[in-house]
Amino acid sequence: MDEENLVTLIDEETGEEQDFLLDDKFKLNGKVYVSLICIPDDVTDIDELPEEVEIVIMEAVEDGDETVLKTLEEDEENIVYDYYDKICSLADAADEEE
């Protein structure tokens, strides 16, 4: 697996770890967001990801020398996911034109 783009998050409530693949980074309203592809536990190679994957978007906040991923606030969740869907649609349309 490509370790450079691998992100492991720990659920604060359960303590369970989940691996994600860093998919994209984008800005909206002065904030930086990242989209992460959830890697199922049974997948050991990124090339083996199923066609349908779960996408999680989090805010990337600079904290000194580190970037911290923060869960979206409820009131911004729909706005951010809608914007991400538009970005993906535009990228798909551009790919189809090529």
C-alpha atoms as a PDB file:
ATOM      1  CA  MET A   1       0.000   0.000   0.000  1.00  0.00           C
ATOM      2  CA  ASP A   2       1.240   3.540  -0.756  1.00  0.00           C
ATOM      3  CA  GLU A   3       2.289   4.645   2.733  1.00  0.00           C
ATOM      4  CA  GLU A   4       2.672   8.289   1.663  1.00  0.00           C
ATOM      5  CA  ASN A   5      -1.075   8.742   1.109  1.00  0.00           C
ATOM      6  CA  LEU A   6      -2.211   6.445   3.890  1.00  0.00           C
ATOM      7  CA  VAL A   7      -3.961   8.054   6.856  1.00  0.00           C
ATOM      8  CA  THR A   8      -4.928   6.129   9.985  1.00  0.00           C
ATOM      9  CA  LEU A   9      -7.637   7.691  12.111  1.00  0.00           C
ATOM     10  CA  ILE A  10      -8.627   6.592  15.591  1.00  0.00           C
ATOM     11  CA  ASP A  11     -12.263   6.753  16.638  1.00  0.00           C
ATOM     12  CA  GLU A  12     -12.272   8.814  19.848  1.00  0.00           C
ATOM     13  CA  GLU A  13     -15.291   6.938  21.233  1.00  0.00           C
ATOM     14  CA  THR A  14     -14.295   3.334  20.476  1.00  0.00           C
ATOM     15  CA  GLY A  15     -10.509   3.581  20.089  1.00  0.00           C
ATOM     16  CA  GLU A  16     -10.755   1.613  16.834  1.00  0.00           C
ATOM     17  CA  GLU A  17      -8.317   2.420  14.030  1.00  0.00           C
ATOM     18  CA  GLN A  18      -9.434   2.837  10.414  1.00  0.00           C
ATOM     19  CA  ASP A  19      -7.166   3.298   7.400  1.00  0.00           C
ATOM     20  CA  PHE A  20      -7.969   5.825   4.695  1.00  0.00           C
ATOM     21  CA  LEU A  21      -6.373   6.788   1.416  1.00  0.00           C
ATOM     22  CA  LEU A  22      -5.862  10.528   0.941  1.00  0.00           C
ATOM     23  CA  ASP A  23      -7.838  11.217  -2.227  1.00  0.00           C
ATOM     24  CA  ASP A  24      -8.000  14.963  -2.764  1.00  0.00           C
ATOM     25  CA  LYS A  25      -7.458  18.344  -1.135  1.00  0.00           C
ATOM     26  CA  PHE A  26      -9.570  21.410  -1.878  1.00  0.00           C
ATOM     27  CA  LYS A  27     -10.410  24.858  -0.527  1.00  0.00           C
ATOM     28  CA  LEU A  28     -13.838  26.258   0.236  1.00  0.00           C
ATOM     29  CA  ASN A  29     -14.643  29.523   2.011  1.00  0.00           C
ATOM     30  CA  GLY A  30     -11.046  29.963   3.175  1.00  0.00           C
ATOM     31  CA  LYS A  31     -10.791  26.497   4.710  1.00  0.00           C
ATOM     32  CA  VAL A  32      -8.875  23.468   3.457  1.00  0.00           C
ATOM     33  CA  TYR A  33     -10.617  20.107   3.237  1.00  0.00           C
ATOM     34  CA  VAL A  34      -9.418  16.624   2.361  1.00  0.00           C
ATOM     35  CA  SER A  35     -11.379  13.745   0.953  1.00  0.00           C
ATOM     36  CA  LEU A  36     -10.422  10.327   2.259  1.00  0.00           C
ATOM     37  CA  ILE A  37     -11.311   6.933   0.817  1.00  0.00           C
ATOM     38  CA  CYS A  38     -12.196   4.409   3.499  1.00  0.00           C
ATOM     39  CA  ILE A  39     -10.073   1.286   3.064  1.00  0.00           C
ATOM     40  CA  PRO A  40     -12.013  -1.844   4.020  1.00  0.00           C
ATOM     41  CA  ASP A  41     -10.247  -4.066   6.553  1.00  0.00           C
ATOM     42  CA  ASP A  42      -9.887  -6.925   4.064  1.00  0.00           C
ATOM     43  CA  VAL A  43      -8.041  -4.806   1.446  1.00  0.00           C
ATOM     44  CA  THR A  44      -4.241  -4.991   1.535  1.00  0.00           C
ATOM     45  CA  ASP A  45      -3.524  -3.355  -1.844  1.00  0.00           C
ATOM     46  CA  ILE A  46      -4.974  -0.050  -3.064  1.00  0.00           C
ATOM     47  CA  ASP A  47      -5.477  -1.593  -6.502  1.00  0.00           C
ATOM     48  CA  GLU A  48      -7.937  -4.002  -4.857  1.00  0.00           C
ATOM     49  CA  LEU A  49     -10.354  -1.285  -3.690  1.00  0.00           C
ATOM     50  CA  PRO A  50     -13.962  -2.039  -4.620  1.00  0.00           C
ATOM     51  CA  GLU A  51     -15.665   0.158  -7.234  1.00  0.00           C
ATOM     52  CA  GLU A  52     -18.025   1.584  -4.621  1.00  0.00           C
ATOM     53  CA  VAL A  53     -16.049   3.186  -1.806  1.00  0.00           C
ATOM     54  CA  GLU A  54     -16.983   5.299   1.181  1.00  0.00           C
ATOM     55  CA  ILE A  55     -15.668   8.872   1.049  1.00  0.00           C
ATOM     56  CA  VAL A  56     -15.137  10.922   4.195  1.00  0.00           C
ATOM     57  CA  ILE A  57     -14.358  14.635   4.074  1.00  0.00           C
ATOM     58  CA  MET A  58     -12.560  16.368   6.933  1.00  0.00           C
ATOM     59  CA  GLU A  59     -11.198  19.847   7.514  1.00  0.00           C
ATOM     60  CA  ALA A  60      -7.394  20.099   7.487  1.00  0.00           C
ATOM     61  CA  VAL A  61      -6.234  22.546  10.167  1.00  0.00           C
ATOM     62  CA  GLU A  62      -2.614  23.611  10.595  1.00  0.00           C
ATOM     63  CA  ASP A  63      -1.484  23.204  14.201  1.00  0.00           C
ATOM     64  CA  GLY A  64       2.135  24.315  14.427  1.00  0.00           C
ATOM     65  CA  ASP A  65       4.177  21.895  12.326  1.00  0.00           C
ATOM     66  CA  GLU A  66       1.320  19.389  12.020  1.00  0.00           C
ATOM     67  CA  THR A  67      -1.847  19.157   9.996  1.00  0.00           C
ATOM     68  CA  VAL A  68      -4.767  17.990  12.111  1.00  0.00           C
ATOM     69  CA  LEU A  69      -7.893  16.503  10.530  1.00  0.00           C
ATOM     70  CA  LYS A  70     -11.093  17.749  12.099  1.00  0.00           C
ATOM     71  CA  THR A  71     -14.605  16.360  11.759  1.00  0.00           C
ATOM     72  CA  LEU A  72     -16.974  18.688   9.917  1.00  0.00           C
ATOM     73  CA  GLU A  73     -19.487  20.698  11.877  1.00  0.00           C
ATOM     74  CA  GLU A  74     -23.077  19.641  11.254  1.00  0.00           C
ATOM     75  CA  ASP A  75     -24.025  22.969   9.644  1.00  0.00           C
ATOM     76  CA  GLU A  76     -21.160  22.823   7.110  1.00  0.00           C
ATOM     77  CA  GLU A  77     -21.416  19.134   6.225  1.00  0.00           C
ATOM     78  CA  ASN A  78     -23.990  19.442   3.402  1.00  0.00           C
ATOM     79  CA  ILE A  79     -22.270  22.482   1.914  1.00  0.00           C
ATOM     80  CA  VAL A  80     -18.866  20.789   1.809  1.00  0.00           C
ATOM     81  CA  TYR A  81     -20.147  17.464   0.437  1.00  0.00           C
ATOM     82  CA  ASP A  82     -22.225  19.263  -2.240  1.00  0.00           C
ATOM     83  CA  TYR A  83     -19.181  21.291  -3.281  1.00  0.00           C
ATOM     84  CA  TYR A  84     -17.070  18.121  -3.442  1.00  0.00           C
ATOM     85  CA  ASP A  85     -19.718  16.441  -5.622  1.00  0.00           C
ATOM     86  CA  LYS A  86     -19.533  19.415  -8.021  1.00  0.00           C
ATOM     87  CA  ILE A  87     -15.729  19.157  -8.160  1.00  0.00           C
ATOM     88  CA  CYS A  88     -15.994  15.446  -8.971  1.00  0.00           C
ATOM     89  CA  SER A  89     -18.638  16.068 -11.652  1.00  0.00           C
ATOM     90  CA  LEU A  90     -16.475  18.700 -13.322  1.00  0.00           C
ATOM     91  CA  ALA A  91     -13.457  16.389 -13.233  1.00  0.00           C
ATOM     92  CA  ASP A  92     -15.519  13.536 -14.725  1.00  0.00           C
ATOM     93  CA  ALA A  93     -16.791  15.816 -17.492  1.00  0.00           C
ATOM     94  CA  ALA A  94     -13.234  16.940 -18.277  1.00  0.00           C
ATOM     95  CA  ASP A  95     -12.083  13.305 -18.437  1.00  0.00           C
ATOM     96  CA  GLU A  96     -14.898  12.434 -20.840  1.00  0.00           C
ATOM     97  CA  GLU A  97     -13.880  15.293 -23.166  1.00  0.00           C
ATOM     98  CA  GLU A  98     -10.319  13.932 -23.476  1.00  0.00           C
END
